[in-house]
Amino acid sequence: MATFYLLPPRACLEQAVGDLCARLLPGLPVPADVWESVVQHLAHVGGWPADVFLVPRDELPEGDTAAALSECYGADPGDCVIDVSLARQARAWGVSGAGAAR
């Protein structure tokens, strides 16, 4: 069973991580690709399982999220989706039958 983290759009992720870096390291320049660098480092150091996928919301086509995850990332019924927001607590839901809405 795979786990898909449905994240805010990439621009929001870059901004949030950039803001954190600016607060922690004031005066130092923040690299333009800070989000990608952080994710790559965490995946390497953290040893994330191969069946964990980070999916920025803006990388999915409009419409049914479960169907888009199935079509674009190979999500199967029973896979877990962690819907992450910067404005609210994360919500978890499972992918049901092919293309079924959550």
PDB file of N, CA and C in Angstrom:
ATOM      1  N   MET A   1       0.841  -1.171   0.000  1.00  0.00           N
ATOM      2  CA  MET A   1       0.000   0.000   0.000  1.00  0.00           C
ATOM      3  C   MET A   1       0.888   1.236   0.000  1.00  0.00           C
ATOM      4  N   ALA A   2       0.648   2.124  -0.958  1.00  0.00           N
ATOM      5  CA  ALA A   2       1.424   3.352  -1.086  1.00  0.00           C
ATOM      6  C   ALA A   2       0.769   4.474  -0.287  1.00  0.00           C
ATOM      7  N   THR A   3       1.573   5.467   0.042  1.00  0.00           N
ATOM      8  CA  THR A   3       1.078   6.668   0.704  1.00  0.00           C
ATOM      9  C   THR A   3       1.435   7.867  -0.153  1.00  0.00           C
ATOM     10  N   PHE A   4       0.420   8.677  -0.467  1.00  0.00           N
ATOM     11  CA  PHE A   4       0.594   9.876  -1.278  1.00  0.00           C
ATOM     12  C   PHE A   4       0.350  11.095  -0.403  1.00  0.00           C
ATOM     13  N   TYR A   5       1.345  11.948  -0.281  1.00  0.00           N
ATOM     14  CA  TYR A   5       1.182  13.212   0.433  1.00  0.00           C
ATOM     15  C   TYR A   5       0.786  14.255  -0.595  1.00  0.00           C
ATOM     16  N   LEU A   6      -0.474  14.678  -0.547  1.00  0.00           N
ATOM     17  CA  LEU A   6      -0.983  15.693  -1.450  1.00  0.00           C
ATOM     18  C   LEU A   6      -0.685  17.041  -0.806  1.00  0.00           C
ATOM     19  N   LEU A   7       0.306  17.734  -1.356  1.00  0.00           N
ATOM     20  CA  LEU A   7       0.854  18.946  -0.755  1.00  0.00           C
ATOM     21  C   LEU A   7       0.268  20.204  -1.383  1.00  0.00           C
ATOM     22  N   PRO A   8       0.442  21.343  -0.719  1.00  0.00           N
ATOM     23  CA  PRO A   8       0.056  22.609  -1.343  1.00  0.00           C
ATOM     24  C   PRO A   8       0.840  22.811  -2.646  1.00  0.00           C
ATOM     25  N   PRO A   9       0.422  23.776  -3.458  1.00  0.00           N
ATOM     26  CA  PRO A   9       1.151  24.039  -4.703  1.00  0.00           C
ATOM     27  C   PRO A   9       2.637  24.333  -4.442  1.00  0.00           C
ATOM     28  N   ARG A  10       3.451  23.998  -5.414  1.00  0.00           N
ATOM     29  CA  ARG A  10       4.908  24.132  -5.291  1.00  0.00           C
ATOM     30  C   ARG A  10       5.331  25.545  -4.862  1.00  0.00           C
ATOM     31  N   ALA A  11       4.694  26.582  -5.402  1.00  0.00           N
ATOM     32  CA  ALA A  11       5.061  27.958  -5.034  1.00  0.00           C
ATOM     33  C   ALA A  11       4.839  28.202  -3.537  1.00  0.00           C
ATOM     34  N   CYS A  12       3.781  27.639  -2.981  1.00  0.00           N
ATOM     35  CA  CYS A  12       3.518  27.773  -1.543  1.00  0.00           C
ATOM     36  C   CYS A  12       4.576  27.044  -0.726  1.00  0.00           C
ATOM     37  N   LEU A  13       4.982  25.870  -1.186  1.00  0.00           N
ATOM     38  CA  LEU A  13       6.002  25.094  -0.483  1.00  0.00           C
ATOM     39  C   LEU A  13       7.342  25.833  -0.490  1.00  0.00           C
ATOM     40  N   GLU A  14       7.708  26.354  -1.661  1.00  0.00           N
ATOM     41  CA  GLU A  14       8.957  27.124  -1.778  1.00  0.00           C
ATOM     42  C   GLU A  14       8.921  28.321  -0.832  1.00  0.00           C
ATOM     43  N   GLN A  15       7.792  29.033  -0.798  1.00  0.00           N
ATOM     44  CA  GLN A  15       7.662  30.215   0.050  1.00  0.00           C
ATOM     45  C   GLN A  15       7.756  29.854   1.524  1.00  0.00           C
ATOM     46  N   ALA A  16       7.050  28.786   1.937  1.00  0.00           N
ATOM     47  CA  ALA A  16       7.038  28.381   3.343  1.00  0.00           C
ATOM     48  C   ALA A  16       8.426  27.956   3.815  1.00  0.00           C
ATOM     49  N   VAL A  17       9.125  27.162   3.013  1.00  0.00           N
ATOM     50  CA  VAL A  17      10.464  26.711   3.395  1.00  0.00           C
ATOM     51  C   VAL A  17      11.446  27.884   3.338  1.00  0.00           C
ATOM     52  N   GLY A  18      11.291  28.755   2.342  1.00  0.00           N
ATOM     53  CA  GLY A  18      12.144  29.949   2.251  1.00  0.00           C
ATOM     54  C   GLY A  18      11.955  30.853   3.455  1.00  0.00           C
ATOM     55  N   ASP A  19      10.704  31.051   3.886  1.00  0.00           N
ATOM     56  CA  ASP A  19      10.422  31.875   5.067  1.00  0.00           C
ATOM     57  C   ASP A  19      11.056  31.274   6.316  1.00  0.00           C
ATOM     58  N   LEU A  20      10.957  29.958   6.459  1.00  0.00           N
ATOM     59  CA  LEU A  20      11.562  29.286   7.606  1.00  0.00           C
ATOM     60  C   LEU A  20      13.081  29.488   7.608  1.00  0.00           C
ATOM     61  N   CYS A  21      13.710  29.296   6.462  1.00  0.00           N
ATOM     62  CA  CYS A  21      15.162  29.480   6.363  1.00  0.00           C
ATOM     63  C   CYS A  21      15.562  30.918   6.689  1.00  0.00           C
ATOM     64  N   ALA A  22      14.782  31.875   6.210  1.00  0.00           N
ATOM     65  CA  ALA A  22      15.080  33.282   6.474  1.00  0.00           C
ATOM     66  C   ALA A  22      14.965  33.602   7.966  1.00  0.00           C
ATOM     67  N   ARG A  23      14.022  32.968   8.664  1.00  0.00           N
ATOM     68  CA  ARG A  23      13.884  33.189  10.110  1.00  0.00           C
ATOM     69  C   ARG A  23      15.013  32.509  10.882  1.00  0.00           C
ATOM     70  N   LEU A  24      15.394  31.319  10.442  1.00  0.00           N
ATOM     71  CA  LEU A  24      16.442  30.579  11.147  1.00  0.00           C
ATOM     72  C   LEU A  24      17.844  31.104  10.849  1.00  0.00           C
ATOM     73  N   LEU A  25      18.040  31.603   9.634  1.00  0.00           N
ATOM     74  CA  LEU A  25      19.365  32.047   9.199  1.00  0.00           C
ATOM     75  C   LEU A  25      19.263  33.458   8.603  1.00  0.00           C
ATOM     76  N   PRO A  26      18.915  34.447   9.420  1.00  0.00           N
ATOM     77  CA  PRO A  26      18.716  35.793   8.886  1.00  0.00           C
ATOM     78  C   PRO A  26      19.977  36.330   8.213  1.00  0.00           C
ATOM     79  N   GLY A  27      19.754  36.986   7.087  1.00  0.00           N
ATOM     80  CA  GLY A  27      20.860  37.601   6.366  1.00  0.00           C
ATOM     81  C   GLY A  27      21.533  36.697   5.351  1.00  0.00           C
ATOM     82  N   LEU A  28      21.296  35.398   5.431  1.00  0.00           N
ATOM     83  CA  LEU A  28      21.887  34.487   4.460  1.00  0.00           C
ATOM     84  C   LEU A  28      20.940  34.319   3.279  1.00  0.00           C
ATOM     85  N   PRO A  29      21.480  34.237   2.073  1.00  0.00           N
ATOM     86  CA  PRO A  29      20.600  34.057   0.915  1.00  0.00           C
ATOM     87  C   PRO A  29      19.963  32.660   0.936  1.00  0.00           C
ATOM     88  N   VAL A  30      18.713  32.618   0.494  1.00  0.00           N
ATOM     89  CA  VAL A  30      17.978  31.349   0.421  1.00  0.00           C
ATOM     90  C   VAL A  30      18.010  30.884  -1.032  1.00  0.00           C
ATOM     91  N   PRO A  31      18.517  29.687  -1.295  1.00  0.00           N
ATOM     92  CA  PRO A  31      18.564  29.195  -2.674  1.00  0.00           C
ATOM     93  C   PRO A  31      17.174  29.111  -3.295  1.00  0.00           C
ATOM     94  N   ALA A  32      17.087  29.349  -4.575  1.00  0.00           N
ATOM     95  CA  ALA A  32      15.805  29.319  -5.290  1.00  0.00           C
ATOM     96  C   ALA A  32      15.162  27.935  -5.227  1.00  0.00           C
ATOM     97  N   ASP A  33      15.951  26.892  -5.172  1.00  0.00           N
ATOM     98  CA  ASP A  33      15.422  25.523  -5.162  1.00  0.00           C
ATOM     99  C   ASP A  33      15.435  24.909  -3.758  1.00  0.00           C
ATOM    100  N   VAL A  34      15.219  25.737  -2.732  1.00  0.00           N
ATOM    101  CA  VAL A  34      15.325  25.263  -1.354  1.00  0.00           C
ATOM    102  C   VAL A  34      14.358  24.118  -1.066  1.00  0.00           C
ATOM    103  N   TRP A  35      13.138  24.167  -1.596  1.00  0.00           N
ATOM    104  CA  TRP A  35      12.172  23.088  -1.350  1.00  0.00           C
ATOM    105  C   TRP A  35      12.704  21.768  -1.875  1.00  0.00           C
ATOM    106  N   GLU A  36      13.175  21.754  -3.120  1.00  0.00           N
ATOM    107  CA  GLU A  36      13.703  20.513  -3.709  1.00  0.00           C
ATOM    108  C   GLU A  36      14.894  19.989  -2.915  1.00  0.00           C
ATOM    109  N   SER A  37      15.762  20.887  -2.481  1.00  0.00           N
ATOM    110  CA  SER A  37      16.939  20.482  -1.706  1.00  0.00           C
ATOM    111  C   SER A  37      16.537  19.839  -0.382  1.00  0.00           C
ATOM    112  N   VAL A  38      15.573  20.445   0.302  1.00  0.00           N
ATOM    113  CA  VAL A  38      15.114  19.911   1.587  1.00  0.00           C
ATOM    114  C   VAL A  38      14.489  18.534   1.394  1.00  0.00           C
ATOM    115  N   VAL A  39      13.628  18.386   0.409  1.00  0.00           N
ATOM    116  CA  VAL A  39      12.960  17.101   0.174  1.00  0.00           C
ATOM    117  C   VAL A  39      13.974  16.016  -0.173  1.00  0.00           C
ATOM    118  N   GLN A  40      14.918  16.333  -1.049  1.00  0.00           N
ATOM    119  CA  GLN A  40      15.936  15.343  -1.428  1.00  0.00           C
ATOM    120  C   GLN A  40      16.762  14.935  -0.214  1.00  0.00           C
ATOM    121  N   HIS A  41      17.129  15.895   0.603  1.00  0.00           N
ATOM    122  CA  HIS A  41      17.928  15.585   1.790  1.00  0.00           C
ATOM    123  C   HIS A  41      17.133  14.710   2.766  1.00  0.00           C
ATOM    124  N   LEU A  42      15.887  15.090   3.031  1.00  0.00           N
ATOM    125  CA  LEU A  42      15.072  14.306   3.963  1.00  0.00           C
ATOM    126  C   LEU A  42      14.830  12.885   3.446  1.00  0.00           C
ATOM    127  N   ALA A  43      14.585  12.754   2.156  1.00  0.00           N
ATOM    128  CA  ALA A  43      14.355  11.425   1.584  1.00  0.00           C
ATOM    129  C   ALA A  43      15.612  10.567   1.716  1.00  0.00           C
ATOM    130  N   HIS A  44      16.773  11.173   1.488  1.00  0.00           N
ATOM    131  CA  HIS A  44      18.033  10.427   1.566  1.00  0.00           C
ATOM    132  C   HIS A  44      18.366  10.060   3.012  1.00  0.00           C
ATOM    133  N   VAL A  45      18.312  11.035   3.906  1.00  0.00           N
ATOM    134  CA  VAL A  45      18.677  10.815   5.302  1.00  0.00           C
ATOM    135  C   VAL A  45      17.604  10.021   6.033  1.00  0.00           C
ATOM    136  N   GLY A  46      16.332  10.332   5.739  1.00  0.00           N
ATOM    137  CA  GLY A  46      15.233   9.684   6.440  1.00  0.00           C
ATOM    138  C   GLY A  46      14.955   8.271   5.976  1.00  0.00           C
ATOM    139  N   GLY A  47      15.471   7.905   4.813  1.00  0.00           N
ATOM    140  CA  GLY A  47      15.241   6.563   4.313  1.00  0.00           C
ATOM    141  C   GLY A  47      13.775   6.271   4.065  1.00  0.00           C
ATOM    142  N   TRP A  48      13.076   7.235   3.456  1.00  0.00           N
ATOM    143  CA  TRP A  48      11.657   7.037   3.162  1.00  0.00           C
ATOM    144  C   TRP A  48      11.462   5.788   2.330  1.00  0.00           C
ATOM    145  N   PRO A  49      10.384   5.052   2.604  1.00  0.00           N
ATOM    146  CA  PRO A  49      10.083   3.876   1.783  1.00  0.00           C
ATOM    147  C   PRO A  49       9.830   4.283   0.330  1.00  0.00           C
ATOM    148  N   ALA A  50      10.045   3.364  -0.571  1.00  0.00           N
ATOM    149  CA  ALA A  50       9.859   3.631  -2.002  1.00  0.00           C
ATOM    150  C   ALA A  50       8.398   3.885  -2.352  1.00  0.00           C
ATOM    151  N   ASP A  51       7.480   3.507  -1.473  1.00  0.00           N
ATOM    152  CA  ASP A  51       6.059   3.682  -1.779  1.00  0.00           C
ATOM    153  C   ASP A  51       5.459   4.926  -1.121  1.00  0.00           C
ATOM    154  N   VAL A  52       6.303   5.938  -0.863  1.00  0.00           N
ATOM    155  CA  VAL A  52       5.854   7.238  -0.365  1.00  0.00           C
ATOM    156  C   VAL A  52       6.084   8.257  -1.468  1.00  0.00           C
ATOM    157  N   PHE A  53       5.028   9.000  -1.809  1.00  0.00           N
ATOM    158  CA  PHE A  53       5.104   9.969  -2.896  1.00  0.00           C
ATOM    159  C   PHE A  53       4.660  11.338  -2.413  1.00  0.00           C
ATOM    160  N   LEU A  54       5.441  12.370  -2.711  1.00  0.00           N
ATOM    161  CA  LEU A  54       5.084  13.749  -2.404  1.00  0.00           C
ATOM    162  C   LEU A  54       4.568  14.376  -3.687  1.00  0.00           C
ATOM    163  N   VAL A  55       3.319  14.831  -3.671  1.00  0.00           N
ATOM    164  CA  VAL A  55       2.678  15.342  -4.877  1.00  0.00           C
ATOM    165  C   VAL A  55       2.165  16.763  -4.630  1.00  0.00           C
ATOM    166  N   PRO A  56       2.852  17.786  -5.155  1.00  0.00           N
ATOM    167  CA  PRO A  56       2.292  19.138  -5.058  1.00  0.00           C
ATOM    168  C   PRO A  56       0.976  19.206  -5.831  1.00  0.00           C
ATOM    169  N   ARG A  57      -0.006  19.839  -5.237  1.00  0.00           N
ATOM    170  CA  ARG A  57      -1.349  19.900  -5.801  1.00  0.00           C
ATOM    171  C   ARG A  57      -1.368  20.435  -7.232  1.00  0.00           C
ATOM    172  N   ASP A  58      -0.491  21.374  -7.549  1.00  0.00           N
ATOM    173  CA  ASP A  58      -0.506  21.963  -8.894  1.00  0.00           C
ATOM    174  C   ASP A  58       0.082  21.036  -9.955  1.00  0.00           C
ATOM    175  N   GLU A  59       0.566  19.872  -9.563  1.00  0.00           N
ATOM    176  CA  GLU A  59       1.056  18.896 -10.541  1.00  0.00           C
ATOM    177  C   GLU A  59      -0.030  17.907 -10.960  1.00  0.00           C
ATOM    178  N   LEU A  60      -1.218  18.039 -10.378  1.00  0.00           N
ATOM    179  CA  LEU A  60      -2.340  17.177 -10.747  1.00  0.00           C
ATOM    180  C   LEU A  60      -3.297  17.951 -11.645  1.00  0.00           C
ATOM    181  N   PRO A  61      -3.896  17.278 -12.627  1.00  0.00           N
ATOM    182  CA  PRO A  61      -4.901  17.966 -13.440  1.00  0.00           C
ATOM    183  C   PRO A  61      -6.151  18.256 -12.606  1.00  0.00           C
ATOM    184  N   GLU A  62      -6.928  19.236 -13.056  1.00  0.00           N
ATOM    185  CA  GLU A  62      -8.191  19.579 -12.391  1.00  0.00           C
ATOM    186  C   GLU A  62      -9.125  18.377 -12.416  1.00  0.00           C
ATOM    187  N   GLY A  63     -10.021  18.325 -11.450  1.00  0.00           N
ATOM    188  CA  GLY A  63     -11.011  17.261 -11.428  1.00  0.00           C
ATOM    189  C   GLY A  63     -10.858  16.364 -10.217  1.00  0.00           C
ATOM    190  N   ASP A  64     -11.284  15.138 -10.379  1.00  0.00           N
ATOM    191  CA  ASP A  64     -11.279  14.145  -9.308  1.00  0.00           C
ATOM    192  C   ASP A  64      -9.850  13.826  -8.876  1.00  0.00           C
ATOM    193  N   THR A  65      -9.551  14.130  -7.615  1.00  0.00           N
ATOM    194  CA  THR A  65      -8.188  13.940  -7.100  1.00  0.00           C
ATOM    195  C   THR A  65      -7.766  12.475  -7.128  1.00  0.00           C
ATOM    196  N   ALA A  66      -8.643  11.568  -6.703  1.00  0.00           N
ATOM    197  CA  ALA A  66      -8.308  10.138  -6.684  1.00  0.00           C
ATOM    198  C   ALA A  66      -8.014   9.641  -8.095  1.00  0.00           C
ATOM    199  N   ALA A  67      -8.839  10.049  -9.053  1.00  0.00           N
ATOM    200  CA  ALA A  67      -8.616   9.626 -10.440  1.00  0.00           C
ATOM    201  C   ALA A  67      -7.299  10.197 -10.960  1.00  0.00           C
ATOM    202  N   ALA A  68      -7.003  11.446 -10.630  1.00  0.00           N
ATOM    203  CA  ALA A  68      -5.754  12.062 -11.085  1.00  0.00           C
ATOM    204  C   ALA A  68      -4.544  11.353 -10.472  1.00  0.00           C
ATOM    205  N   LEU A  69      -4.620  11.004  -9.189  1.00  0.00           N
ATOM    206  CA  LEU A  69      -3.521  10.272  -8.562  1.00  0.00           C
ATOM    207  C   LEU A  69      -3.351   8.899  -9.204  1.00  0.00           C
ATOM    208  N   SER A  70      -4.453   8.262  -9.554  1.00  0.00           N
ATOM    209  CA  SER A  70      -4.385   6.963 -10.226  1.00  0.00           C
ATOM    210  C   SER A  70      -3.747   7.089 -11.602  1.00  0.00           C
ATOM    211  N   GLU A  71      -4.209   8.060 -12.371  1.00  0.00           N
ATOM    212  CA  GLU A  71      -3.715   8.232 -13.744  1.00  0.00           C
ATOM    213  C   GLU A  71      -2.275   8.714 -13.792  1.00  0.00           C
ATOM    214  N   CYS A  72      -1.936   9.689 -12.958  1.00  0.00           N
ATOM    215  CA  CYS A  72      -0.613  10.326 -13.037  1.00  0.00           C
ATOM    216  C   CYS A  72       0.462   9.638 -12.202  1.00  0.00           C
ATOM    217  N   TYR A  73       0.064   9.012 -11.084  1.00  0.00           N
ATOM    218  CA  TYR A  73       1.049   8.455 -10.162  1.00  0.00           C
ATOM    219  C   TYR A  73       0.843   6.981  -9.851  1.00  0.00           C
ATOM    220  N   GLY A  74      -0.166   6.365 -10.442  1.00  0.00           N
ATOM    221  CA  GLY A  74      -0.377   4.933 -10.251  1.00  0.00           C
ATOM    222  C   GLY A  74      -1.022   4.552  -8.941  1.00  0.00           C
ATOM    223  N   ALA A  75      -1.760   5.469  -8.309  1.00  0.00           N
ATOM    224  CA  ALA A  75      -2.445   5.133  -7.057  1.00  0.00           C
ATOM    225  C   ALA A  75      -3.467   4.031  -7.305  1.00  0.00           C
ATOM    226  N   ASP A  76      -3.541   3.111  -6.368  1.00  0.00           N
ATOM    227  CA  ASP A  76      -4.465   1.976  -6.447  1.00  0.00           C
ATOM    228  C   ASP A  76      -5.483   2.053  -5.317  1.00  0.00           C
ATOM    229  N   PRO A  77      -6.626   1.378  -5.476  1.00  0.00           N
ATOM    230  CA  PRO A  77      -7.578   1.310  -4.372  1.00  0.00           C
ATOM    231  C   PRO A  77      -6.880   0.779  -3.117  1.00  0.00           C
ATOM    232  N   GLY A  78      -7.158   1.419  -1.990  1.00  0.00           N
ATOM    233  CA  GLY A  78      -6.539   1.041  -0.722  1.00  0.00           C
ATOM    234  C   GLY A  78      -5.335   1.883  -0.361  1.00  0.00           C
ATOM    235  N   ASP A  79      -4.769   2.599  -1.335  1.00  0.00           N
ATOM    236  CA  ASP A  79      -3.641   3.482  -1.024  1.00  0.00           C
ATOM    237  C   ASP A  79      -4.122   4.629  -0.144  1.00  0.00           C
ATOM    238  N   CYS A  80      -3.228   5.163   0.651  1.00  0.00           N
ATOM    239  CA  CYS A  80      -3.550   6.231   1.583  1.00  0.00           C
ATOM    240  C   CYS A  80      -3.137   7.581   0.996  1.00  0.00           C
ATOM    241  N   VAL A  81      -3.990   8.581   1.159  1.00  0.00           N
ATOM    242  CA  VAL A  81      -3.681   9.946   0.744  1.00  0.00           C
ATOM    243  C   VAL A  81      -3.712  10.818   1.992  1.00  0.00           C
ATOM    244  N   ILE A  82      -2.622  11.532   2.230  1.00  0.00           N
ATOM    245  CA  ILE A  82      -2.554  12.499   3.313  1.00  0.00           C
ATOM    246  C   ILE A  82      -2.664  13.867   2.651  1.00  0.00           C
ATOM    247  N   ASP A  83      -3.787  14.524   2.837  1.00  0.00           N
ATOM    248  CA  ASP A  83      -4.072  15.814   2.212  1.00  0.00           C
ATOM    249  C   ASP A  83      -3.548  16.912   3.139  1.00  0.00           C
ATOM    250  N   VAL A  84      -2.448  17.553   2.748  1.00  0.00           N
ATOM    251  CA  VAL A  84      -1.743  18.529   3.582  1.00  0.00           C
ATOM    252  C   VAL A  84      -2.106  19.940   3.150  1.00  0.00           C
ATOM    253  N   SER A  85      -2.327  20.797   4.132  1.00  0.00           N
ATOM    254  CA  SER A  85      -2.627  22.202   3.876  1.00  0.00           C
ATOM    255  C   SER A  85      -1.795  23.056   4.815  1.00  0.00           C
ATOM    256  N   LEU A  86      -1.446  24.258   4.384  1.00  0.00           N
ATOM    257  CA  LEU A  86      -0.745  25.187   5.269  1.00  0.00           C
ATOM    258  C   LEU A  86      -1.736  25.905   6.183  1.00  0.00           C
ATOM    259  N   ALA A  87      -3.033  25.776   5.907  1.00  0.00           N
ATOM    260  CA  ALA A  87      -4.054  26.510   6.650  1.00  0.00           C
ATOM    261  C   ALA A  87      -4.856  25.648   7.627  1.00  0.00           C
ATOM    262  N   ARG A  88      -4.736  24.336   7.539  1.00  0.00           N
ATOM    263  CA  ARG A  88      -5.525  23.461   8.398  1.00  0.00           C
ATOM    264  C   ARG A  88      -4.730  22.189   8.678  1.00  0.00           C
ATOM    265  N   GLN A  89      -5.264  21.370   9.584  1.00  0.00           N
ATOM    266  CA  GLN A  89      -4.640  20.087   9.873  1.00  0.00           C
ATOM    267  C   GLN A  89      -4.732  19.165   8.671  1.00  0.00           C
ATOM    268  N   ALA A  90      -3.754  18.310   8.518  1.00  0.00           N
ATOM    269  CA  ALA A  90      -3.774  17.324   7.433  1.00  0.00           C
ATOM    270  C   ALA A  90      -4.944  16.370   7.635  1.00  0.00           C
ATOM    271  N   ARG A  91      -5.479  15.899   6.509  1.00  0.00           N
ATOM    272  CA  ARG A  91      -6.576  14.924   6.531  1.00  0.00           C
ATOM    273  C   ARG A  91      -6.139  13.699   5.738  1.00  0.00           C
ATOM    274  N   ALA A  92      -6.493  12.532   6.239  1.00  0.00           N
ATOM    275  CA  ALA A  92      -6.161  11.286   5.543  1.00  0.00           C
ATOM    276  C   ALA A  92      -7.422  10.665   4.976  1.00  0.00           C
ATOM    277  N   TRP A  93      -7.278  10.086   3.797  1.00  0.00           N
ATOM    278  CA  TRP A  93      -8.369   9.359   3.177  1.00  0.00           C
ATOM    279  C   TRP A  93      -7.775   8.276   2.285  1.00  0.00           C
ATOM    280  N   GLY A  94      -8.577   7.303   1.964  1.00  0.00           N
ATOM    281  CA  GLY A  94      -8.115   6.188   1.145  1.00  0.00           C
ATOM    282  C   GLY A  94      -8.636   6.281  -0.275  1.00  0.00           C
ATOM    283  N   VAL A  95      -7.830   5.812  -1.200  1.00  0.00           N
ATOM    284  CA  VAL A  95      -8.262   5.733  -2.595  1.00  0.00           C
ATOM    285  C   VAL A  95      -9.221   4.551  -2.689  1.00  0.00           C
ATOM    286  N   SER A  96     -10.431   4.830  -3.186  1.00  0.00           N
ATOM    287  CA  SER A  96     -11.392   3.748  -3.347  1.00  0.00           C
ATOM    288  C   SER A  96     -11.336   3.274  -4.793  1.00  0.00           C
ATOM    289  N   GLY A  97     -12.354   2.605  -5.269  1.00  0.00           N
ATOM    290  CA  GLY A  97     -12.362   2.026  -6.614  1.00  0.00           C
ATOM    291  C   GLY A  97     -11.827   2.963  -7.680  1.00  0.00           C
ATOM    292  N   ALA A  98     -11.451   2.425  -8.802  1.00  0.00           N
ATOM    293  CA  ALA A  98     -10.793   3.177  -9.884  1.00  0.00           C
ATOM    294  C   ALA A  98     -11.516   4.472 -10.173  1.00  0.00           C
ATOM    295  N   GLY A  99     -10.841   5.583  -9.922  1.00  0.00           N
ATOM    296  CA  GLY A  99     -11.346   6.893 -10.239  1.00  0.00           C
ATOM    297  C   GLY A  99     -12.451   7.393  -9.325  1.00  0.00           C
ATOM    298  N   ALA A 100     -12.732   6.673  -8.253  1.00  0.00           N
ATOM    299  CA  ALA A 100     -13.812   7.106  -7.362  1.00  0.00           C
ATOM    300  C   ALA A 100     -13.371   8.303  -6.551  1.00  0.00           C
ATOM    301  N   ALA A 101     -14.256   9.207  -6.322  1.00  0.00           N
ATOM    302  CA  ALA A 101     -13.958  10.385  -5.497  1.00  0.00           C
ATOM    303  C   ALA A 101     -13.840   9.956  -4.055  1.00  0.00           C
ATOM    304  N   ARG A 102     -13.129  10.735  -3.291  1.00  0.00           N
ATOM    305  CA  ARG A 102     -12.929  10.403  -1.884  1.00  0.00           C
ATOM    306  C   ARG A 102     -14.151  10.605  -1.075  1.00  0.00           C
TER     307      ARG A 102
END
